[in-house]
Amino acid sequence: MMEWKIARKAGACAKCECSFAEDEAHLSLLLLRADEPARLDLCQTCFAARSAGEDAAGEIDLYWWRTHFHAHK
């Protein structure tokens, strides 16, 4: 059986690298990149650009969900 490791939620956008503020809404994606699963956490602006087909070269989006950032306490 194949084992995949999916990254935990990031504290910043994977595209523009802006840090998420406490309780800020952002989107998380599960995608295939070179036949391996990967997770991306994107700010709403970068997600909108990706959804418009501007930024997903060679990647297949499988699933996305809206979430909020909460710093670990």
Protein backbone atom coordinates (compact mmCIF):
# COMPACT_ATOMS: atom_id res chain seq x y z
CA MET A 1 0.00 0.00 0.00
CA MET A 2 1.22 3.49 -0.89
CA GLU A 3 1.60 6.04 1.92
CA TRP A 4 1.04 9.73 1.26
CA LYS A 5 1.88 12.54 3.63
CA ILE A 6 -0.27 15.64 3.34
CA ALA A 7 1.07 18.84 4.90
CA ARG A 8 -0.71 20.51 7.78
CA LYS A 9 -2.36 23.92 7.42
CA ALA A 10 0.15 26.67 6.64
CA GLY A 11 0.23 30.10 8.25
CA ALA A 12 0.63 31.91 4.94
CA CYS A 13 -0.60 31.79 1.36
CA ALA A 14 1.35 29.27 -0.74
CA LYS A 15 1.32 31.64 -3.74
CA CYS A 16 1.82 35.23 -2.52
CA GLU A 17 3.31 34.25 0.88
CA CYS A 18 1.17 36.77 2.82
CA SER A 19 0.61 35.63 6.40
CA PHE A 20 -2.94 34.83 7.42
CA ALA A 21 -4.39 37.01 10.18
CA GLU A 22 -6.12 35.40 13.15
CA ASP A 23 -9.56 34.08 12.06
CA GLU A 24 -8.94 35.11 8.42
CA ALA A 25 -10.87 33.04 5.88
CA HIS A 26 -8.76 31.27 3.27
CA LEU A 27 -9.04 28.20 1.06
CA SER A 28 -7.26 24.89 1.28
CA LEU A 29 -6.86 22.64 -1.75
CA LEU A 30 -6.00 18.99 -2.12
CA LEU A 31 -4.43 18.49 -5.54
CA LEU A 32 -2.31 16.16 -7.61
CA ARG A 33 1.12 17.47 -8.50
CA ALA A 34 3.24 15.05 -10.56
CA ASP A 35 0.96 12.18 -9.48
CA GLU A 36 1.54 12.94 -5.81
CA PRO A 37 -1.06 14.56 -3.54
CA ALA A 38 -0.26 17.99 -2.14
CA ARG A 39 -2.02 20.60 -0.04
CA LEU A 40 -2.08 24.31 -0.79
CA ASP A 41 -3.44 27.00 1.50
CA LEU A 42 -4.33 30.10 -0.52
CA CYS A 43 -5.64 33.55 0.29
CA GLN A 44 -8.94 34.37 -1.38
CA THR A 45 -7.27 36.51 -4.09
CA CYS A 46 -4.82 33.78 -5.12
CA PHE A 47 -7.56 31.14 -5.03
CA ALA A 48 -9.73 33.27 -7.34
CA ALA A 49 -6.84 33.58 -9.82
CA ARG A 50 -6.26 29.81 -9.69
CA SER A 51 -9.97 29.09 -10.16
CA ALA A 52 -9.92 31.30 -13.25
CA GLY A 53 -7.26 28.94 -14.66
CA GLU A 54 -4.38 31.39 -14.35
CA ASP A 55 -2.21 29.38 -12.00
CA ALA A 56 -2.73 25.60 -12.08
CA ALA A 57 -0.13 24.54 -14.66
CA GLY A 58 0.30 20.77 -14.55
CA GLU A 59 -1.76 20.35 -11.39
CA ILE A 60 -5.16 18.74 -10.94
CA ASP A 61 -7.36 20.14 -8.18
CA LEU A 62 -9.22 17.32 -6.44
CA TYR A 63 -11.01 19.08 -3.63
CA TRP A 64 -11.05 22.45 -1.89
CA TRP A 65 -12.60 23.80 1.28
CA ARG A 66 -12.96 27.15 3.01
CA THR A 67 -11.38 27.43 6.45
CA HIS A 68 -10.13 30.03 8.93
CA PHE A 69 -6.66 30.51 10.31
CA HIS A 70 -6.19 30.06 14.04
CA ALA A 71 -2.73 30.37 15.59
CA HIS A 72 -1.72 27.51 17.86
CA LYS A 73 -1.86 28.60 21.47
